[in-house]
Amino acid sequence: MSTFDWTDKASNLSWFSDANLNIAHDVLDKHLIEGNGNKKALIFEDDQATVTEFTFSQLVNESNKIANLLSQHAINKGDRVFLFLPRIPELYINFLGTLKTGAVAGTLFAAFGSDALKDRLGNSKAVAVFTTKELAERIAQVREELPDLKHVFIVDDPEYKRELAATSDLYSTVHTKPEDYAFMLYTSGTTGLPKGVVHAHYALVQQVESAKLCLDLKPDDIYWCTADPGWVTGIVYGILTNLSLGITSFVHNGKFEPEKWYSLIEKYKITVWYTAPTAIRMLMAKGDDVLTKYDLSSLRYLASVGEPLNPEPLLWS
């Protein structure tokens, strides 16, 4: 009779020789060591159909720049660094670059208002935030109430871009201990104030195994997780596990619209699609006439998460 052993599963990750583990090393750096740097890692498309692509090698270089940028500003292991960004490349790259330094990365849903930001940034004692010019206006409304917040990096500001361009893309990822904190998220705050939940680097063991078992990810898949990284699904199954497994992943930074989503599945030949029950119900409500306009034959596996999925949309999907 076979037995399940987490120690065996942990050995599948890429560890440092001193028995330390950094999620970013396993998710990115190892692919260069294993000779897969030129494989396509992330494909982004926005509402204007502008497409941006990154190989694993490019993600390593860009995340190294972010790690160096943070180090230059005296942001180090254990510091809280948050990302208040839409689903643009900087959200994914800067999250991983933060992990490389040993700092604790956190994400903030782009729809949050100033009060939600104050609660989370204040409670976490965040020292830095990456954001955009538009979203930074909400942070400015509560900045005086956040004494620990020393840096607000505006990723679409020319000065920031110049500083980043002058930063080295060589960086030695910090050797964090397995139980060191890697990232944190806050509860929705439906009962009392939002509560910060921290995730250790070692959590990647369970996360990767669950991705293998529940999402059936294979090396040649083109994978689309529609969850926003402002929530745990979007981090674990939209950034970490898929990249750890060397999967090519697609990201759409745009509004939900059934015909658009179907067209993206057809265009990018998505093979594994991970979405929310609400989205499935909305697709179903749009009707099968819309569905039949598109070639969805690339899909081999669908999964959903976030709330109960009643029988009708399950059978329909």
C-alpha atoms as a PDB file:
ATOM      1  CA  MET A   1       0.000   0.000   0.000  1.00  0.00           C
ATOM      2  CA  SER A   2       1.449   3.375  -1.012  1.00  0.00           C
ATOM      3  CA  THR A   3       1.892   6.097   1.592  1.00  0.00           C
ATOM      4  CA  PHE A   4       1.822   9.864   1.266  1.00  0.00           C
ATOM      5  CA  ASP A   5       4.775  11.726   2.754  1.00  0.00           C
ATOM      6  CA  TRP A   6       5.161  15.524   2.695  1.00  0.00           C
ATOM      7  CA  THR A   7       8.920  15.109   3.065  1.00  0.00           C
ATOM      8  CA  ASP A   8       9.004  13.363  -0.310  1.00  0.00           C
ATOM      9  CA  LYS A   9       6.923  16.147  -1.841  1.00  0.00           C
ATOM     10  CA  ALA A  10       9.193  18.806  -0.346  1.00  0.00           C
ATOM     11  CA  SER A  11      12.178  17.232  -2.090  1.00  0.00           C
ATOM     12  CA  ASN A  12      10.578  18.146  -5.434  1.00  0.00           C
ATOM     13  CA  LEU A  13      11.192  21.841  -4.794  1.00  0.00           C
ATOM     14  CA  SER A  14      14.438  23.633  -5.564  1.00  0.00           C
ATOM     15  CA  TRP A  15      16.293  24.061  -2.265  1.00  0.00           C
ATOM     16  CA  PHE A  16      19.523  25.906  -1.551  1.00  0.00           C
ATOM     17  CA  SER A  17      22.494  23.778  -0.506  1.00  0.00           C
ATOM     18  CA  ASP A  18      22.184  25.083   3.070  1.00  0.00           C
ATOM     19  CA  ALA A  19      18.636  23.637   3.386  1.00  0.00           C
ATOM     20  CA  ASN A  20      17.028  27.043   3.000  1.00  0.00           C
ATOM     21  CA  LEU A  21      14.134  27.775   0.657  1.00  0.00           C
ATOM     22  CA  ASN A  22      12.962  30.921  -1.103  1.00  0.00           C
ATOM     23  CA  ILE A  23       9.756  30.706  -3.121  1.00  0.00           C
ATOM     24  CA  ALA A  24      11.112  33.053  -5.795  1.00  0.00           C
ATOM     25  CA  HIS A  25      14.141  30.820  -6.337  1.00  0.00           C
ATOM     26  CA  ASP A  26      11.905  27.825  -6.953  1.00  0.00           C
ATOM     27  CA  VAL A  27       9.389  29.744  -9.029  1.00  0.00           C
ATOM     28  CA  LEU A  28      11.916  31.554 -11.239  1.00  0.00           C
ATOM     29  CA  ASP A  29      15.648  31.027 -10.747  1.00  0.00           C
ATOM     30  CA  LYS A  30      15.584  27.241 -10.970  1.00  0.00           C
ATOM     31  CA  HIS A  31      14.321  27.372 -14.549  1.00  0.00           C
ATOM     32  CA  LEU A  32      17.580  28.989 -15.643  1.00  0.00           C
ATOM     33  CA  ILE A  33      19.560  26.343 -13.768  1.00  0.00           C
ATOM     34  CA  GLU A  34      17.506  23.613 -15.466  1.00  0.00           C
ATOM     35  CA  GLY A  35      17.927  25.161 -18.938  1.00  0.00           C
ATOM     36  CA  ASN A  36      14.342  26.333 -19.425  1.00  0.00           C
ATOM     37  CA  GLY A  37      15.000  30.059 -19.354  1.00  0.00           C
ATOM     38  CA  ASN A  38      13.793  30.588 -22.909  1.00  0.00           C
ATOM     39  CA  LYS A  39      10.409  28.983 -22.300  1.00  0.00           C
ATOM     40  CA  LYS A  40       7.464  31.389 -22.410  1.00  0.00           C
ATOM     41  CA  ALA A  41       6.257  32.018 -18.854  1.00  0.00           C
ATOM     42  CA  LEU A  42       3.626  34.780 -18.906  1.00  0.00           C
ATOM     43  CA  ILE A  43       1.433  36.232 -21.654  1.00  0.00           C
ATOM     44  CA  PHE A  44      -0.469  39.443 -20.866  1.00  0.00           C
ATOM     45  CA  GLU A  45      -3.284  40.982 -22.895  1.00  0.00           C
ATOM     46  CA  ASP A  46      -5.139  44.141 -21.871  1.00  0.00           C
ATOM     47  CA  ASP A  47      -8.497  45.581 -22.947  1.00  0.00           C
ATOM     48  CA  GLN A  48      -6.862  47.246 -25.945  1.00  0.00           C
ATOM     49  CA  ALA A  49      -5.553  43.838 -27.089  1.00  0.00           C
ATOM     50  CA  THR A  50      -1.967  44.915 -26.385  1.00  0.00           C
ATOM     51  CA  VAL A  51       0.085  41.781 -25.786  1.00  0.00           C
ATOM     52  CA  THR A  52       3.229  41.544 -23.636  1.00  0.00           C
ATOM     53  CA  GLU A  53       5.139  38.290 -23.171  1.00  0.00           C
ATOM     54  CA  PHE A  54       7.923  37.176 -20.826  1.00  0.00           C
ATOM     55  CA  THR A  55      10.169  34.134 -20.822  1.00  0.00           C
ATOM     56  CA  PHE A  56      11.365  32.705 -17.519  1.00  0.00           C
ATOM     57  CA  SER A  57      14.767  34.282 -18.158  1.00  0.00           C
ATOM     58  CA  GLN A  58      13.182  37.699 -18.655  1.00  0.00           C
ATOM     59  CA  LEU A  59      11.154  37.321 -15.447  1.00  0.00           C
ATOM     60  CA  VAL A  60      14.337  36.462 -13.560  1.00  0.00           C
ATOM     61  CA  ASN A  61      16.101  39.569 -14.857  1.00  0.00           C
ATOM     62  CA  GLU A  62      13.174  41.898 -14.222  1.00  0.00           C
ATOM     63  CA  SER A  63      12.512  40.543 -10.716  1.00  0.00           C
ATOM     64  CA  ASN A  64      16.235  40.902  -9.936  1.00  0.00           C
ATOM     65  CA  LYS A  65      15.943  44.602 -10.770  1.00  0.00           C
ATOM     66  CA  ILE A  66      13.078  44.970  -8.327  1.00  0.00           C
ATOM     67  CA  ALA A  67      15.057  43.172  -5.616  1.00  0.00           C
ATOM     68  CA  ASN A  68      18.002  45.500  -6.182  1.00  0.00           C
ATOM     69  CA  LEU A  69      15.719  48.546  -6.185  1.00  0.00           C
ATOM     70  CA  LEU A  70      14.275  47.559  -2.814  1.00  0.00           C
ATOM     71  CA  SER A  71      17.732  46.897  -1.401  1.00  0.00           C
ATOM     72  CA  GLN A  72      18.901  50.323  -2.572  1.00  0.00           C
ATOM     73  CA  HIS A  73      16.078  51.838  -0.516  1.00  0.00           C
ATOM     74  CA  ALA A  74      17.105  49.855   2.593  1.00  0.00           C
ATOM     75  CA  ILE A  75      14.119  47.509   2.350  1.00  0.00           C
ATOM     76  CA  ASN A  76      15.217  44.124   3.595  1.00  0.00           C
ATOM     77  CA  LYS A  77      14.221  40.748   4.991  1.00  0.00           C
ATOM     78  CA  GLY A  78      11.040  40.858   7.062  1.00  0.00           C
ATOM     79  CA  ASP A  79       9.873  44.287   5.858  1.00  0.00           C
ATOM     80  CA  ARG A  80       6.314  44.478   4.516  1.00  0.00           C
ATOM     81  CA  VAL A  81       6.023  45.540   0.880  1.00  0.00           C
ATOM     82  CA  PHE A  82       2.577  45.819  -0.725  1.00  0.00           C
ATOM     83  CA  LEU A  83       1.436  45.912  -4.325  1.00  0.00           C
ATOM     84  CA  PHE A  84      -1.620  48.012  -5.136  1.00  0.00           C
ATOM     85  CA  LEU A  85      -1.764  47.317  -8.854  1.00  0.00           C
ATOM     86  CA  PRO A  86      -4.091  46.049 -11.586  1.00  0.00           C
ATOM     87  CA  ARG A  87      -3.192  42.856 -13.458  1.00  0.00           C
ATOM     88  CA  ILE A  88      -0.222  44.338 -15.268  1.00  0.00           C
ATOM     89  CA  PRO A  89       3.238  42.728 -15.557  1.00  0.00           C
ATOM     90  CA  GLU A  90       4.579  44.849 -12.685  1.00  0.00           C
ATOM     91  CA  LEU A  91       2.193  43.157 -10.256  1.00  0.00           C
ATOM     92  CA  TYR A  92       3.649  39.719 -10.987  1.00  0.00           C
ATOM     93  CA  ILE A  93       7.278  40.771 -11.416  1.00  0.00           C
ATOM     94  CA  ASN A  94       7.418  43.065  -8.394  1.00  0.00           C
ATOM     95  CA  PHE A  95       5.730  40.485  -6.177  1.00  0.00           C
ATOM     96  CA  LEU A  96       8.426  37.943  -7.033  1.00  0.00           C
ATOM     97  CA  GLY A  97      11.203  40.517  -6.773  1.00  0.00           C
ATOM     98  CA  THR A  98      10.024  41.349  -3.266  1.00  0.00           C
ATOM     99  CA  LEU A  99      10.167  37.674  -2.278  1.00  0.00           C
ATOM    100  CA  LYS A 100      13.754  37.491  -3.506  1.00  0.00           C
ATOM    101  CA  THR A 101      14.843  40.018  -0.870  1.00  0.00           C
ATOM    102  CA  GLY A 102      13.237  38.101   1.976  1.00  0.00           C
ATOM    103  CA  ALA A 103      10.760  40.941   2.475  1.00  0.00           C
ATOM    104  CA  VAL A 104       7.119  39.955   2.976  1.00  0.00           C
ATOM    105  CA  ALA A 105       5.006  40.712  -0.101  1.00  0.00           C
ATOM    106  CA  GLY A 106       1.354  41.640   0.122  1.00  0.00           C
ATOM    107  CA  THR A 107      -1.271  42.354  -2.514  1.00  0.00           C
ATOM    108  CA  LEU A 108      -4.136  44.837  -2.424  1.00  0.00           C
ATOM    109  CA  PHE A 109      -7.166  44.447  -4.692  1.00  0.00           C
ATOM    110  CA  ALA A 110      -7.190  47.343  -7.158  1.00  0.00           C
ATOM    111  CA  ALA A 111     -10.820  48.199  -6.286  1.00  0.00           C
ATOM    112  CA  PHE A 112      -9.988  48.965  -2.635  1.00  0.00           C
ATOM    113  CA  GLY A 113     -10.835  52.421  -1.364  1.00  0.00           C
ATOM    114  CA  SER A 114      -8.746  54.581   0.945  1.00  0.00           C
ATOM    115  CA  ASP A 115     -10.212  53.169   4.175  1.00  0.00           C
ATOM    116  CA  ALA A 116      -9.457  49.577   3.139  1.00  0.00           C
ATOM    117  CA  LEU A 117      -5.916  50.621   2.257  1.00  0.00           C
ATOM    118  CA  LYS A 118      -5.431  52.394   5.587  1.00  0.00           C
ATOM    119  CA  ASP A 119      -6.570  49.323   7.527  1.00  0.00           C
ATOM    120  CA  ARG A 120      -4.218  46.950   5.736  1.00  0.00           C
ATOM    121  CA  LEU A 121      -1.167  49.155   5.283  1.00  0.00           C
ATOM    122  CA  GLY A 122      -1.436  50.451   8.840  1.00  0.00           C
ATOM    123  CA  ASN A 123      -1.921  47.093  10.512  1.00  0.00           C
ATOM    124  CA  SER A 124       0.910  45.443   8.553  1.00  0.00           C
ATOM    125  CA  LYS A 125       3.272  48.379   9.153  1.00  0.00           C
ATOM    126  CA  ALA A 126       4.086  48.329   5.450  1.00  0.00           C
ATOM    127  CA  VAL A 127       7.216  50.293   4.574  1.00  0.00           C
ATOM    128  CA  ALA A 128       6.631  50.426   0.813  1.00  0.00           C
ATOM    129  CA  VAL A 129       3.902  50.175  -1.808  1.00  0.00           C
ATOM    130  CA  PHE A 130       4.088  49.701  -5.567  1.00  0.00           C
ATOM    131  CA  THR A 131       1.172  51.372  -7.355  1.00  0.00           C
ATOM    132  CA  THR A 132       0.130  53.452 -10.369  1.00  0.00           C
ATOM    133  CA  LYS A 133      -0.485  57.195 -10.701  1.00  0.00           C
ATOM    134  CA  GLU A 134      -4.237  56.644 -10.730  1.00  0.00           C
ATOM    135  CA  LEU A 135      -4.365  54.316  -7.720  1.00  0.00           C
ATOM    136  CA  ALA A 136      -1.809  56.348  -5.765  1.00  0.00           C
ATOM    137  CA  GLU A 137      -4.441  59.055  -5.278  1.00  0.00           C
ATOM    138  CA  ARG A 138      -6.290  56.754  -2.848  1.00  0.00           C
ATOM    139  CA  ILE A 139      -3.106  56.147  -0.846  1.00  0.00           C
ATOM    140  CA  ALA A 140      -2.473  59.894  -0.717  1.00  0.00           C
ATOM    141  CA  GLN A 141      -5.810  60.371   1.065  1.00  0.00           C
ATOM    142  CA  VAL A 142      -4.581  58.366   4.073  1.00  0.00           C
ATOM    143  CA  ARG A 143      -0.788  58.773   3.807  1.00  0.00           C
ATOM    144  CA  GLU A 144      -0.550  60.962   6.926  1.00  0.00           C
ATOM    145  CA  GLU A 145      -2.158  58.154   8.947  1.00  0.00           C
ATOM    146  CA  LEU A 146       0.500  55.634   7.861  1.00  0.00           C
ATOM    147  CA  PRO A 147       3.690  56.547   9.763  1.00  0.00           C
ATOM    148  CA  ASP A 148       5.543  53.372   8.723  1.00  0.00           C
ATOM    149  CA  LEU A 149       4.991  53.896   4.984  1.00  0.00           C
ATOM    150  CA  LYS A 150       8.275  55.364   3.739  1.00  0.00           C
ATOM    151  CA  HIS A 151       8.123  54.635  -0.002  1.00  0.00           C
ATOM    152  CA  VAL A 152       5.379  54.810  -2.614  1.00  0.00           C
ATOM    153  CA  PHE A 153       6.788  53.577  -5.923  1.00  0.00           C
ATOM    154  CA  ILE A 154       4.726  54.758  -8.907  1.00  0.00           C
ATOM    155  CA  VAL A 155       5.407  52.152 -11.604  1.00  0.00           C
ATOM    156  CA  ASP A 156       4.128  54.312 -14.490  1.00  0.00           C
ATOM    157  CA  ASP A 157       6.067  57.415 -13.413  1.00  0.00           C
ATOM    158  CA  PRO A 158       9.021  58.347 -15.655  1.00  0.00           C
ATOM    159  CA  GLU A 159      11.327  58.921 -12.681  1.00  0.00           C
ATOM    160  CA  TYR A 160      10.624  55.420 -11.347  1.00  0.00           C
ATOM    161  CA  LYS A 161      11.199  53.936 -14.793  1.00  0.00           C
ATOM    162  CA  ARG A 162      14.549  55.717 -15.099  1.00  0.00           C
ATOM    163  CA  GLU A 163      15.665  54.500 -11.677  1.00  0.00           C
ATOM    164  CA  LEU A 164      14.643  50.928 -12.488  1.00  0.00           C
ATOM    165  CA  ALA A 165      16.344  51.030 -15.890  1.00  0.00           C
ATOM    166  CA  ALA A 166      19.617  51.996 -14.196  1.00  0.00           C
ATOM    167  CA  THR A 167      19.358  49.108 -11.726  1.00  0.00           C
ATOM    168  CA  SER A 168      21.315  45.879 -12.185  1.00  0.00           C
ATOM    169  CA  ASP A 169      19.498  42.722 -13.280  1.00  0.00           C
ATOM    170  CA  LEU A 170      21.940  40.562 -11.317  1.00  0.00           C
ATOM    171  CA  TYR A 171      20.861  39.574  -7.816  1.00  0.00           C
ATOM    172  CA  SER A 172      21.556  36.711  -5.430  1.00  0.00           C
ATOM    173  CA  THR A 173      18.217  35.614  -3.996  1.00  0.00           C
ATOM    174  CA  VAL A 174      18.166  35.747  -0.188  1.00  0.00           C
ATOM    175  CA  HIS A 175      18.325  32.354   1.528  1.00  0.00           C
ATOM    176  CA  THR A 176      15.181  32.385   3.641  1.00  0.00           C
ATOM    177  CA  LYS A 177      14.340  29.641   6.111  1.00  0.00           C
ATOM    178  CA  PRO A 178      11.369  27.421   5.222  1.00  0.00           C
ATOM    179  CA  GLU A 179       9.225  28.925   7.992  1.00  0.00           C
ATOM    180  CA  ASP A 180      10.144  32.550   7.238  1.00  0.00           C
ATOM    181  CA  TYR A 181       7.196  34.620   6.046  1.00  0.00           C
ATOM    182  CA  ALA A 182       6.910  34.991   2.273  1.00  0.00           C
ATOM    183  CA  PHE A 183       3.636  36.814   1.624  1.00  0.00           C
ATOM    184  CA  MET A 184       0.545  38.013   3.446  1.00  0.00           C
ATOM    185  CA  LEU A 185      -3.087  38.695   2.669  1.00  0.00           C
ATOM    186  CA  TYR A 186      -5.936  40.216   4.604  1.00  0.00           C
ATOM    187  CA  THR A 187      -9.378  38.761   5.226  1.00  0.00           C
ATOM    188  CA  SER A 188     -12.294  40.625   3.695  1.00  0.00           C
ATOM    189  CA  GLY A 189     -13.252  42.206   7.015  1.00  0.00           C
ATOM    190  CA  THR A 190     -16.853  40.975   7.057  1.00  0.00           C
ATOM    191  CA  THR A 191     -16.563  40.464  10.827  1.00  0.00           C
ATOM    192  CA  GLY A 192     -14.518  43.209  12.437  1.00  0.00           C
ATOM    193  CA  LEU A 193     -11.385  44.675  10.921  1.00  0.00           C
ATOM    194  CA  PRO A 194      -9.472  42.756   8.214  1.00  0.00           C
ATOM    195  CA  LYS A 195      -6.993  40.280   9.676  1.00  0.00           C
ATOM    196  CA  GLY A 196      -3.556  39.681   8.188  1.00  0.00           C
ATOM    197  CA  VAL A 197      -2.678  36.086   7.357  1.00  0.00           C
ATOM    198  CA  VAL A 198       0.966  35.253   6.662  1.00  0.00           C
ATOM    199  CA  HIS A 199       2.175  32.408   4.442  1.00  0.00           C
ATOM    200  CA  ALA A 200       5.616  30.834   4.898  1.00  0.00           C
ATOM    201  CA  HIS A 201       7.988  29.922   2.070  1.00  0.00           C
ATOM    202  CA  TYR A 202       7.511  26.258   2.994  1.00  0.00           C
ATOM    203  CA  ALA A 203       3.807  26.537   2.114  1.00  0.00           C
ATOM    204  CA  LEU A 204       4.874  26.166  -1.519  1.00  0.00           C
ATOM    205  CA  VAL A 205       5.165  22.408  -0.945  1.00  0.00           C
ATOM    206  CA  GLN A 206       1.420  22.039  -0.397  1.00  0.00           C
ATOM    207  CA  GLN A 207       0.567  24.655  -2.984  1.00  0.00           C
ATOM    208  CA  VAL A 208       2.465  22.923  -5.781  1.00  0.00           C
ATOM    209  CA  GLU A 209       1.080  19.506  -4.907  1.00  0.00           C
ATOM    210  CA  SER A 210      -2.477  20.827  -4.854  1.00  0.00           C
ATOM    211  CA  ALA A 211      -1.929  22.463  -8.249  1.00  0.00           C
ATOM    212  CA  LYS A 212      -0.741  19.162  -9.668  1.00  0.00           C
ATOM    213  CA  LEU A 213      -3.632  17.185  -8.208  1.00  0.00           C
ATOM    214  CA  CYS A 214      -6.514  19.646  -8.558  1.00  0.00           C
ATOM    215  CA  LEU A 215      -5.571  21.469 -11.759  1.00  0.00           C
ATOM    216  CA  ASP A 216      -3.798  18.597 -13.528  1.00  0.00           C
ATOM    217  CA  LEU A 217      -1.165  20.984 -14.886  1.00  0.00           C
ATOM    218  CA  LYS A 218       1.196  19.504 -17.496  1.00  0.00           C
ATOM    219  CA  PRO A 219       4.419  20.984 -18.940  1.00  0.00           C
ATOM    220  CA  ASP A 220       2.851  21.843 -22.313  1.00  0.00           C
ATOM    221  CA  ASP A 221      -0.301  23.477 -20.949  1.00  0.00           C
ATOM    222  CA  ILE A 222      -1.427  27.022 -21.691  1.00  0.00           C
ATOM    223  CA  TYR A 223      -3.070  27.939 -18.417  1.00  0.00           C
ATOM    224  CA  TRP A 224      -5.497  30.729 -17.530  1.00  0.00           C
ATOM    225  CA  CYS A 225      -6.386  31.480 -13.916  1.00  0.00           C
ATOM    226  CA  THR A 226      -8.887  34.344 -13.927  1.00  0.00           C
ATOM    227  CA  ALA A 227      -8.476  35.131 -10.202  1.00  0.00           C
ATOM    228  CA  ASP A 228      -7.013  38.497  -9.264  1.00  0.00           C
ATOM    229  CA  PRO A 229      -3.755  38.319  -7.232  1.00  0.00           C
ATOM    230  CA  GLY A 230      -5.437  40.575  -4.694  1.00  0.00           C
ATOM    231  CA  TRP A 231      -6.838  37.298  -3.335  1.00  0.00           C
ATOM    232  CA  VAL A 232      -5.125  34.067  -2.324  1.00  0.00           C
ATOM    233  CA  THR A 233      -6.194  32.056  -5.387  1.00  0.00           C
ATOM    234  CA  GLY A 234      -4.671  34.642  -7.699  1.00  0.00           C
ATOM    235  CA  ILE A 235      -1.348  34.488  -5.860  1.00  0.00           C
ATOM    236  CA  VAL A 236      -1.038  30.759  -5.267  1.00  0.00           C
ATOM    237  CA  TYR A 237      -2.536  29.511  -8.535  1.00  0.00           C
ATOM    238  CA  GLY A 238      -2.019  32.571 -10.717  1.00  0.00           C
ATOM    239  CA  ILE A 239       1.637  33.305  -9.904  1.00  0.00           C
ATOM    240  CA  LEU A 240       3.413  30.763  -7.742  1.00  0.00           C
ATOM    241  CA  THR A 241       2.421  27.193  -8.557  1.00  0.00           C
ATOM    242  CA  ASN A 242       2.029  27.610 -12.294  1.00  0.00           C
ATOM    243  CA  LEU A 243       5.453  29.243 -12.598  1.00  0.00           C
ATOM    244  CA  SER A 244       7.028  26.709 -10.239  1.00  0.00           C
ATOM    245  CA  LEU A 245       5.762  23.945 -12.531  1.00  0.00           C
ATOM    246  CA  GLY A 246       7.145  25.743 -15.590  1.00  0.00           C
ATOM    247  CA  ILE A 247       3.703  26.313 -17.124  1.00  0.00           C
ATOM    248  CA  THR A 248       3.008  28.993 -19.727  1.00  0.00           C
ATOM    249  CA  SER A 249       0.284  31.168 -18.206  1.00  0.00           C
ATOM    250  CA  PHE A 250      -2.087  33.741 -19.667  1.00  0.00           C
ATOM    251  CA  VAL A 251      -3.269  36.909 -17.871  1.00  0.00           C
ATOM    252  CA  HIS A 252      -6.116  39.150 -19.044  1.00  0.00           C
ATOM    253  CA  ASN A 253      -6.197  42.653 -17.605  1.00  0.00           C
ATOM    254  CA  GLY A 254      -9.698  43.561 -18.639  1.00  0.00           C
ATOM    255  CA  LYS A 255     -13.357  43.378 -17.736  1.00  0.00           C
ATOM    256  CA  PHE A 256     -15.406  40.202 -17.804  1.00  0.00           C
ATOM    257  CA  GLU A 257     -17.305  39.785 -21.055  1.00  0.00           C
ATOM    258  CA  PRO A 258     -18.376  36.322 -22.272  1.00  0.00           C
ATOM    259  CA  GLU A 259     -17.537  36.750 -25.948  1.00  0.00           C
ATOM    260  CA  LYS A 260     -14.164  38.290 -25.109  1.00  0.00           C
ATOM    261  CA  TRP A 261     -13.304  35.414 -22.789  1.00  0.00           C
ATOM    262  CA  TYR A 262     -14.307  32.815 -25.379  1.00  0.00           C
ATOM    263  CA  SER A 263     -12.215  34.600 -28.005  1.00  0.00           C
ATOM    264  CA  LEU A 264      -9.172  34.572 -25.712  1.00  0.00           C
ATOM    265  CA  ILE A 265      -9.505  30.822 -25.120  1.00  0.00           C
ATOM    266  CA  GLU A 266      -9.606  30.336 -28.882  1.00  0.00           C
ATOM    267  CA  LYS A 267      -6.779  32.790 -29.621  1.00  0.00           C
ATOM    268  CA  TYR A 268      -4.301  31.440 -27.066  1.00  0.00           C
ATOM    269  CA  LYS A 269      -5.469  27.818 -27.213  1.00  0.00           C
ATOM    270  CA  ILE A 270      -6.008  27.687 -23.462  1.00  0.00           C
ATOM    271  CA  THR A 271      -5.860  24.097 -22.201  1.00  0.00           C
ATOM    272  CA  VAL A 272      -6.547  24.523 -18.453  1.00  0.00           C
ATOM    273  CA  TRP A 273      -9.004  27.160 -17.299  1.00  0.00           C
ATOM    274  CA  TYR A 274      -9.462  28.038 -13.616  1.00  0.00           C
ATOM    275  CA  THR A 275     -12.275  30.494 -12.889  1.00  0.00           C
ATOM    276  CA  ALA A 276     -15.058  31.403 -10.466  1.00  0.00           C
ATOM    277  CA  PRO A 277     -18.554  29.895 -10.198  1.00  0.00           C
ATOM    278  CA  THR A 278     -20.047  33.373 -10.705  1.00  0.00           C
ATOM    279  CA  ALA A 279     -18.259  33.650 -14.053  1.00  0.00           C
ATOM    280  CA  ILE A 280     -19.506  30.222 -15.118  1.00  0.00           C
ATOM    281  CA  ARG A 281     -23.094  31.205 -14.251  1.00  0.00           C
ATOM    282  CA  MET A 282     -22.745  34.418 -16.255  1.00  0.00           C
ATOM    283  CA  LEU A 283     -21.353  32.524 -19.233  1.00  0.00           C
ATOM    284  CA  MET A 284     -24.206  30.055 -19.011  1.00  0.00           C
ATOM    285  CA  ALA A 285     -26.768  32.865 -18.834  1.00  0.00           C
ATOM    286  CA  LYS A 286     -25.388  34.327 -22.069  1.00  0.00           C
ATOM    287  CA  GLY A 287     -26.535  31.186 -23.871  1.00  0.00           C
ATOM    288  CA  ASP A 288     -25.053  28.507 -26.093  1.00  0.00           C
ATOM    289  CA  ASP A 289     -25.505  30.500 -29.305  1.00  0.00           C
ATOM    290  CA  VAL A 290     -22.598  32.740 -28.288  1.00  0.00           C
ATOM    291  CA  LEU A 291     -20.562  29.749 -27.195  1.00  0.00           C
ATOM    292  CA  THR A 292     -20.772  27.982 -30.546  1.00  0.00           C
ATOM    293  CA  LYS A 293     -19.160  30.900 -32.394  1.00  0.00           C
ATOM    294  CA  TYR A 294     -15.769  29.985 -30.964  1.00  0.00           C
ATOM    295  CA  ASP A 295     -13.414  27.032 -31.204  1.00  0.00           C
ATOM    296  CA  LEU A 296     -12.857  25.907 -27.622  1.00  0.00           C
ATOM    297  CA  SER A 297     -11.462  22.510 -28.537  1.00  0.00           C
ATOM    298  CA  SER A 298      -8.104  23.300 -26.897  1.00  0.00           C
ATOM    299  CA  LEU A 299      -9.703  23.095 -23.435  1.00  0.00           C
ATOM    300  CA  ARG A 300      -9.096  19.795 -21.688  1.00  0.00           C
ATOM    301  CA  TYR A 301      -9.654  20.746 -18.055  1.00  0.00           C
ATOM    302  CA  LEU A 302     -11.852  23.254 -16.210  1.00  0.00           C
ATOM    303  CA  ALA A 303     -11.897  24.061 -12.505  1.00  0.00           C
ATOM    304  CA  SER A 304     -13.576  26.648 -10.291  1.00  0.00           C
ATOM    305  CA  VAL A 305     -13.145  28.036  -6.787  1.00  0.00           C
ATOM    306  CA  GLY A 306     -14.493  30.690  -4.468  1.00  0.00           C
ATOM    307  CA  GLU A 307     -18.027  29.593  -3.643  1.00  0.00           C
ATOM    308  CA  PRO A 308     -20.278  26.537  -4.038  1.00  0.00           C
ATOM    309  CA  LEU A 309     -20.981  25.535  -7.628  1.00  0.00           C
ATOM    310  CA  ASN A 310     -24.550  24.295  -7.966  1.00  0.00           C
ATOM    311  CA  PRO A 311     -25.309  21.350 -10.307  1.00  0.00           C
ATOM    312  CA  GLU A 312     -26.694  23.289 -13.301  1.00  0.00           C
ATOM    313  CA  PRO A 313     -23.565  25.350 -14.170  1.00  0.00           C
ATOM    314  CA  LEU A 314     -21.366  22.385 -13.290  1.00  0.00           C
ATOM    315  CA  LEU A 315     -23.133  20.169 -15.803  1.00  0.00           C
ATOM    316  CA  TRP A 316     -23.307  22.970 -18.366  1.00  0.00           C
ATOM    317  CA  SER A 317     -19.586  23.710 -18.121  1.00  0.00           C
END
